[in-house]
Amino acid sequence: KLKHPPVRSMLDKGVIVALGTDFNPNAYCVSMLTVMNLACIMFRMSMEEAIVAATLNSAASVGKSDMYGSIEIGKWGDLVVFAAPSWEHIIYQMNASENYYPCC
């Protein structure tokens, strides 16, 4: 079994953490909802930390945060609309694909 990275310690020290999926035979996961859920459970990230790590920090990790990663005037991106009482439910309800609607 692989040892988990010390994500909570890294965040507490100010390290910018990015989240992403890994589509390969070792880690067959393409769901960012699952990744954010696992980050909260396994790495003790807050939901706020997980969503920033999955969006803005991920864009920054590939040098694209000037044009992607957050909803701002002048930036590009795809949006998904969730049928949920609050944004936190996208992490609570991992893989609830019946509750989201791609819109772009």
C-alpha atoms as a PDB file:
ATOM      1  CA  LYS A   1       0.000   0.000   0.000  1.00  0.00           C
ATOM      2  CA  LEU A   2       1.279   3.445  -0.901  1.00  0.00           C
ATOM      3  CA  LYS A   3       1.749   5.983   1.857  1.00  0.00           C
ATOM      4  CA  HIS A   4      -0.482   9.053   1.582  1.00  0.00           C
ATOM      5  CA  PRO A   5       1.223  12.399   1.009  1.00  0.00           C
ATOM      6  CA  PRO A   6       1.182  14.742   4.031  1.00  0.00           C
ATOM      7  CA  VAL A   7      -1.442  17.034   2.460  1.00  0.00           C
ATOM      8  CA  ARG A   8      -2.794  18.527   5.693  1.00  0.00           C
ATOM      9  CA  SER A   9       0.727  19.405   6.836  1.00  0.00           C
ATOM     10  CA  MET A  10       1.522  20.875   3.416  1.00  0.00           C
ATOM     11  CA  LEU A  11      -1.592  23.060   3.468  1.00  0.00           C
ATOM     12  CA  ASP A  12      -0.858  24.196   7.019  1.00  0.00           C
ATOM     13  CA  LYS A  13       2.613  25.286   5.837  1.00  0.00           C
ATOM     14  CA  GLY A  14       1.169  27.293   2.935  1.00  0.00           C
ATOM     15  CA  VAL A  15       1.896  24.857   0.115  1.00  0.00           C
ATOM     16  CA  ILE A  16      -0.493  25.288  -2.817  1.00  0.00           C
ATOM     17  CA  VAL A  17      -2.113  21.891  -3.435  1.00  0.00           C
ATOM     18  CA  ALA A  18      -3.830  20.890  -6.683  1.00  0.00           C
ATOM     19  CA  LEU A  19      -6.221  17.978  -7.206  1.00  0.00           C
ATOM     20  CA  GLY A  20      -6.838  16.024 -10.388  1.00  0.00           C
ATOM     21  CA  THR A  21      -7.984  12.668 -11.694  1.00  0.00           C
ATOM     22  CA  ASP A  22      -5.655   9.919 -12.817  1.00  0.00           C
ATOM     23  CA  PHE A  23      -6.994   7.764 -15.618  1.00  0.00           C
ATOM     24  CA  ASN A  24      -4.651   4.775 -15.697  1.00  0.00           C
ATOM     25  CA  PRO A  25      -4.706   1.100 -14.659  1.00  0.00           C
ATOM     26  CA  ASN A  26      -3.315   1.900 -11.184  1.00  0.00           C
ATOM     27  CA  ALA A  27      -5.861   4.574 -10.279  1.00  0.00           C
ATOM     28  CA  TYR A  28      -8.899   4.337 -12.505  1.00  0.00           C
ATOM     29  CA  CYS A  29     -10.710   7.528 -11.507  1.00  0.00           C
ATOM     30  CA  VAL A  30     -12.083  10.195 -13.832  1.00  0.00           C
ATOM     31  CA  SER A  31     -14.514  11.850 -11.398  1.00  0.00           C
ATOM     32  CA  MET A  32     -13.450  15.157  -9.850  1.00  0.00           C
ATOM     33  CA  LEU A  33     -16.404  14.788  -7.460  1.00  0.00           C
ATOM     34  CA  THR A  34     -14.842  11.579  -6.142  1.00  0.00           C
ATOM     35  CA  VAL A  35     -11.391  13.174  -5.956  1.00  0.00           C
ATOM     36  CA  MET A  36     -12.715  16.116  -3.913  1.00  0.00           C
ATOM     37  CA  ASN A  37     -14.640  13.771  -1.609  1.00  0.00           C
ATOM     38  CA  LEU A  38     -11.584  11.596  -1.017  1.00  0.00           C
ATOM     39  CA  ALA A  39      -9.395  14.657  -0.426  1.00  0.00           C
ATOM     40  CA  CYS A  40     -11.729  15.757   2.364  1.00  0.00           C
ATOM     41  CA  ILE A  41     -11.899  12.286   3.912  1.00  0.00           C
ATOM     42  CA  MET A  42      -8.351  10.994   3.417  1.00  0.00           C
ATOM     43  CA  PHE A  43      -6.323  14.214   3.562  1.00  0.00           C
ATOM     44  CA  ARG A  44      -8.539  16.191   5.984  1.00  0.00           C
ATOM     45  CA  MET A  45      -8.962  19.017   3.490  1.00  0.00           C
ATOM     46  CA  SER A  46     -11.890  21.343   4.075  1.00  0.00           C
ATOM     47  CA  MET A  47     -14.481  21.477   1.322  1.00  0.00           C
ATOM     48  CA  GLU A  48     -13.307  24.998   0.495  1.00  0.00           C
ATOM     49  CA  GLU A  49      -9.706  23.791   0.180  1.00  0.00           C
ATOM     50  CA  ALA A  50     -10.785  20.861  -1.998  1.00  0.00           C
ATOM     51  CA  ILE A  51     -12.785  22.933  -4.473  1.00  0.00           C
ATOM     52  CA  VAL A  52      -9.999  25.523  -4.821  1.00  0.00           C
ATOM     53  CA  ALA A  53      -7.449  22.719  -5.244  1.00  0.00           C
ATOM     54  CA  ALA A  54      -9.631  21.152  -7.961  1.00  0.00           C
ATOM     55  CA  THR A  55     -10.178  24.403  -9.870  1.00  0.00           C
ATOM     56  CA  LEU A  56      -7.895  27.417  -9.494  1.00  0.00           C
ATOM     57  CA  ASN A  57      -4.894  25.546  -8.064  1.00  0.00           C
ATOM     58  CA  SER A  58      -5.131  22.863 -10.754  1.00  0.00           C
ATOM     59  CA  ALA A  59      -5.145  25.525 -13.458  1.00  0.00           C
ATOM     60  CA  ALA A  60      -2.153  27.193 -11.770  1.00  0.00           C
ATOM     61  CA  SER A  61      -0.274  23.883 -11.655  1.00  0.00           C
ATOM     62  CA  VAL A  62      -0.184  23.833 -15.463  1.00  0.00           C
ATOM     63  CA  GLY A  63       0.407  27.571 -15.832  1.00  0.00           C
ATOM     64  CA  LYS A  64      -3.159  28.395 -16.924  1.00  0.00           C
ATOM     65  CA  SER A  65      -4.666  30.259 -13.938  1.00  0.00           C
ATOM     66  CA  ASP A  66      -4.617  33.545 -15.860  1.00  0.00           C
ATOM     67  CA  MET A  67      -7.321  32.171 -18.206  1.00  0.00           C
ATOM     68  CA  TYR A  68      -8.876  29.193 -16.359  1.00  0.00           C
ATOM     69  CA  GLY A  69      -9.725  27.905 -12.887  1.00  0.00           C
ATOM     70  CA  SER A  70     -12.193  30.502 -11.603  1.00  0.00           C
ATOM     71  CA  ILE A  71     -15.304  32.282 -12.795  1.00  0.00           C
ATOM     72  CA  GLU A  72     -14.142  35.778 -13.685  1.00  0.00           C
ATOM     73  CA  ILE A  73     -14.669  38.233 -16.505  1.00  0.00           C
ATOM     74  CA  GLY A  74     -12.247  37.427 -19.316  1.00  0.00           C
ATOM     75  CA  LYS A  75     -11.565  33.824 -18.292  1.00  0.00           C
ATOM     76  CA  TRP A  76     -12.535  30.718 -20.262  1.00  0.00           C
ATOM     77  CA  GLY A  77     -14.122  27.556 -18.943  1.00  0.00           C
ATOM     78  CA  ASP A  78     -16.886  25.013 -18.976  1.00  0.00           C
ATOM     79  CA  LEU A  79     -19.680  25.158 -16.437  1.00  0.00           C
ATOM     80  CA  VAL A  80     -21.832  22.502 -14.841  1.00  0.00           C
ATOM     81  CA  VAL A  81     -25.124  23.243 -13.103  1.00  0.00           C
ATOM     82  CA  PHE A  82     -25.852  21.125 -10.033  1.00  0.00           C
ATOM     83  CA  ALA A  83     -29.292  20.398  -8.626  1.00  0.00           C
ATOM     84  CA  ALA A  84     -28.224  20.663  -4.993  1.00  0.00           C
ATOM     85  CA  PRO A  85     -29.276  22.701  -1.958  1.00  0.00           C
ATOM     86  CA  SER A  86     -25.769  24.196  -1.626  1.00  0.00           C
ATOM     87  CA  TRP A  87     -22.360  23.929  -3.287  1.00  0.00           C
ATOM     88  CA  GLU A  88     -21.104  21.602  -0.522  1.00  0.00           C
ATOM     89  CA  HIS A  89     -23.419  18.867  -1.765  1.00  0.00           C
ATOM     90  CA  ILE A  90     -21.298  18.354  -4.873  1.00  0.00           C
ATOM     91  CA  ILE A  91     -18.674  16.931  -2.523  1.00  0.00           C
ATOM     92  CA  TYR A  92     -21.113  15.125  -0.209  1.00  0.00           C
ATOM     93  CA  GLN A  93     -22.878  13.430  -3.121  1.00  0.00           C
ATOM     94  CA  MET A  94     -19.838  12.122  -4.945  1.00  0.00           C
ATOM     95  CA  ASN A  95     -20.692  10.580  -8.301  1.00  0.00           C
ATOM     96  CA  ALA A  96     -24.299  11.822  -8.163  1.00  0.00           C
ATOM     97  CA  SER A  97     -24.288  12.283 -11.934  1.00  0.00           C
ATOM     98  CA  GLU A  98     -28.071  12.465 -12.081  1.00  0.00           C
ATOM     99  CA  ASN A  99     -27.829  15.780 -10.208  1.00  0.00           C
ATOM    100  CA  TYR A 100     -25.664  17.761 -12.609  1.00  0.00           C
ATOM    101  CA  TYR A 101     -26.160  19.194 -16.056  1.00  0.00           C
ATOM    102  CA  PRO A 102     -23.288  20.278 -18.348  1.00  0.00           C
ATOM    103  CA  CYS A 103     -24.290  23.604 -19.830  1.00  0.00           C
ATOM    104  CA  CYS A 104     -21.488  24.732 -22.126  1.00  0.00           C
END
